[in-house]
Amino acid sequence: MKEGLSKVDAMRESIKIRTRPILMTAFAVAIGGLIVGTFLTLLFIPLIFIWFVKEHEDLTA
């Protein structure tokens, strides 16, 4: 609006400028979360299980 645009035109221009960085940040967080979740599920949690559960414990009870 400082450049003489109407409210609607200023809003449209800001959407064009800000959409890409916001989406890139959101996707980076989502992908990072998936990677961390996969790492925890496949590696870290089984290691914790091995450390805390004794080999001779009966887990069927």
N, C-alpha and C. Protein backbone atom coordinates (compact mmCIF):
# COMPACT_ATOMS: atom_id res chain seq x y z
N MET A 1 0.83 -1.17 0.00
CA MET A 1 0.00 0.00 0.00
C MET A 1 0.88 1.25 0.00
N LYS A 2 2.12 1.12 0.50
CA LYS A 2 3.04 2.26 0.47
C LYS A 2 3.37 2.66 -0.96
N GLU A 3 3.28 1.71 -1.88
CA GLU A 3 3.60 1.98 -3.29
C GLU A 3 2.37 2.45 -4.06
N GLY A 4 1.27 2.72 -3.37
CA GLY A 4 0.08 3.23 -4.02
C GLY A 4 -0.89 2.16 -4.49
N LEU A 5 -0.70 0.93 -4.03
CA LEU A 5 -1.61 -0.15 -4.42
C LEU A 5 -2.84 -0.15 -3.52
N SER A 6 -3.92 -0.68 -4.05
CA SER A 6 -5.11 -0.83 -3.21
C SER A 6 -4.89 -1.98 -2.23
N LYS A 7 -5.80 -2.11 -1.28
CA LYS A 7 -5.67 -3.18 -0.28
C LYS A 7 -5.63 -4.55 -0.94
N VAL A 8 -6.52 -4.76 -1.90
CA VAL A 8 -6.62 -6.06 -2.56
C VAL A 8 -5.36 -6.33 -3.38
N ASP A 9 -4.88 -5.35 -4.12
CA ASP A 9 -3.68 -5.54 -4.92
C ASP A 9 -2.45 -5.75 -4.04
N ALA A 10 -2.38 -5.03 -2.93
CA ALA A 10 -1.27 -5.21 -1.99
C ALA A 10 -1.30 -6.61 -1.38
N MET A 11 -2.50 -7.10 -1.07
CA MET A 11 -2.64 -8.45 -0.52
C MET A 11 -2.19 -9.49 -1.55
N ARG A 12 -2.62 -9.33 -2.78
CA ARG A 12 -2.23 -10.28 -3.83
C ARG A 12 -0.72 -10.29 -4.03
N GLU A 13 -0.12 -9.13 -4.01
CA GLU A 13 1.34 -9.04 -4.19
C GLU A 13 2.08 -9.69 -3.02
N SER A 14 1.58 -9.49 -1.81
CA SER A 14 2.22 -10.11 -0.65
C SER A 14 2.08 -11.63 -0.69
N ILE A 15 0.96 -12.13 -1.20
CA ILE A 15 0.78 -13.57 -1.33
C ILE A 15 1.79 -14.14 -2.30
N LYS A 16 2.00 -13.45 -3.41
CA LYS A 16 2.99 -13.91 -4.41
C LYS A 16 4.39 -13.97 -3.80
N ILE A 17 4.72 -12.99 -3.00
CA ILE A 17 6.07 -12.90 -2.44
C ILE A 17 6.29 -13.90 -1.31
N ARG A 18 5.29 -14.11 -0.46
CA ARG A 18 5.48 -14.88 0.77
C ARG A 18 5.11 -16.35 0.67
N THR A 19 4.36 -16.75 -0.33
CA THR A 19 3.89 -18.13 -0.40
C THR A 19 5.03 -19.12 -0.53
N ARG A 20 5.95 -18.86 -1.43
CA ARG A 20 7.04 -19.81 -1.68
C ARG A 20 7.90 -20.07 -0.44
N PRO A 21 8.42 -19.03 0.25
CA PRO A 21 9.22 -19.31 1.45
C PRO A 21 8.44 -20.03 2.55
N ILE A 22 7.17 -19.69 2.70
CA ILE A 22 6.37 -20.35 3.73
C ILE A 22 6.19 -21.83 3.41
N LEU A 23 5.87 -22.14 2.15
CA LEU A 23 5.70 -23.54 1.76
C LEU A 23 7.01 -24.31 1.86
N MET A 24 8.12 -23.69 1.47
CA MET A 24 9.42 -24.37 1.56
C MET A 24 9.75 -24.71 3.01
N THR A 25 9.47 -23.78 3.91
CA THR A 25 9.72 -24.02 5.33
C THR A 25 8.83 -25.14 5.86
N ALA A 26 7.57 -25.12 5.49
CA ALA A 26 6.63 -26.14 5.95
C ALA A 26 7.03 -27.52 5.45
N PHE A 27 7.41 -27.61 4.17
CA PHE A 27 7.82 -28.90 3.63
C PHE A 27 9.12 -29.39 4.27
N ALA A 28 10.05 -28.47 4.54
CA ALA A 28 11.30 -28.87 5.19
C ALA A 28 11.02 -29.44 6.57
N VAL A 29 10.13 -28.82 7.32
CA VAL A 29 9.77 -29.31 8.66
C VAL A 29 9.08 -30.67 8.54
N ALA A 30 8.19 -30.81 7.58
CA ALA A 30 7.47 -32.08 7.42
C ALA A 30 8.42 -33.21 7.04
N ILE A 31 9.31 -32.94 6.10
CA ILE A 31 10.26 -33.97 5.68
C ILE A 31 11.23 -34.30 6.80
N GLY A 32 11.68 -33.26 7.51
CA GLY A 32 12.56 -33.50 8.66
C GLY A 32 11.88 -34.32 9.73
N GLY A 33 10.61 -34.04 9.97
CA GLY A 33 9.86 -34.83 10.94
C GLY A 33 9.71 -36.28 10.53
N LEU A 34 9.49 -36.51 9.25
CA LEU A 34 9.39 -37.90 8.77
C LEU A 34 10.72 -38.63 8.93
N ILE A 35 11.81 -37.95 8.64
CA ILE A 35 13.12 -38.58 8.77
C ILE A 35 13.42 -38.90 10.23
N VAL A 36 13.15 -37.95 11.12
CA VAL A 36 13.39 -38.18 12.55
C VAL A 36 12.49 -39.30 13.07
N GLY A 37 11.22 -39.29 12.67
CA GLY A 37 10.30 -40.33 13.11
C GLY A 37 10.74 -41.71 12.64
N THR A 38 11.19 -41.79 11.41
CA THR A 38 11.67 -43.06 10.87
C THR A 38 12.90 -43.53 11.62
N PHE A 39 13.83 -42.61 11.86
CA PHE A 39 15.04 -42.96 12.61
C PHE A 39 14.69 -43.49 13.99
N LEU A 40 13.80 -42.79 14.69
CA LEU A 40 13.42 -43.23 16.03
C LEU A 40 12.74 -44.59 16.00
N THR A 41 11.86 -44.79 15.05
CA THR A 41 11.11 -46.04 14.99
C THR A 41 11.99 -47.23 14.63
N LEU A 42 12.88 -47.05 13.67
CA LEU A 42 13.66 -48.18 13.17
C LEU A 42 14.96 -48.43 13.91
N LEU A 43 15.52 -47.42 14.54
CA LEU A 43 16.83 -47.60 15.17
C LEU A 43 16.81 -47.37 16.69
N PHE A 44 16.33 -46.22 17.09
CA PHE A 44 16.46 -45.83 18.49
C PHE A 44 15.58 -46.66 19.42
N ILE A 45 14.34 -46.85 19.09
CA ILE A 45 13.42 -47.60 19.95
C ILE A 45 13.86 -49.06 20.09
N PRO A 46 14.26 -49.75 19.01
CA PRO A 46 14.78 -51.11 19.20
C PRO A 46 16.02 -51.17 20.10
N LEU A 47 16.89 -50.16 19.99
CA LEU A 47 18.07 -50.14 20.87
C LEU A 47 17.67 -49.97 22.33
N ILE A 48 16.72 -49.11 22.59
CA ILE A 48 16.23 -48.93 23.96
C ILE A 48 15.63 -50.24 24.47
N PHE A 49 14.89 -50.92 23.62
CA PHE A 49 14.30 -52.21 24.00
C PHE A 49 15.39 -53.21 24.37
N ILE A 50 16.43 -53.28 23.56
CA ILE A 50 17.52 -54.22 23.82
C ILE A 50 18.21 -53.88 25.13
N TRP A 51 18.41 -52.60 25.42
CA TRP A 51 19.11 -52.20 26.64
C TRP A 51 18.29 -52.49 27.90
N PHE A 52 16.99 -52.33 27.85
CA PHE A 52 16.18 -52.41 29.06
C PHE A 52 15.51 -53.75 29.30
N VAL A 53 15.39 -54.58 28.30
CA VAL A 53 14.74 -55.88 28.48
C VAL A 53 15.82 -56.95 28.55
N LYS A 54 15.75 -57.71 29.61
CA LYS A 54 16.73 -58.79 29.78
C LYS A 54 16.41 -59.92 28.82
N GLU A 55 17.44 -60.62 28.37
CA GLU A 55 17.26 -61.67 27.37
C GLU A 55 16.38 -62.82 27.86
N HIS A 56 16.48 -63.16 29.09
CA HIS A 56 15.77 -64.34 29.58
C HIS A 56 14.38 -64.03 30.11
N GLU A 57 13.91 -62.80 29.98
CA GLU A 57 12.56 -62.48 30.44
C GLU A 57 11.54 -63.11 29.52
N ASP A 58 10.47 -63.61 30.11
CA ASP A 58 9.37 -64.19 29.34
C ASP A 58 8.41 -63.06 28.96
N LEU A 59 8.34 -62.74 27.67
CA LEU A 59 7.51 -61.63 27.23
C LEU A 59 6.10 -62.08 26.83
N THR A 60 5.80 -63.37 26.92
CA THR A 60 4.50 -63.86 26.50
C THR A 60 3.45 -63.67 27.59
N ALA A 61 3.85 -63.42 28.81
CA ALA A 61 2.89 -63.30 29.92
C ALA A 61 2.14 -62.00 29.89
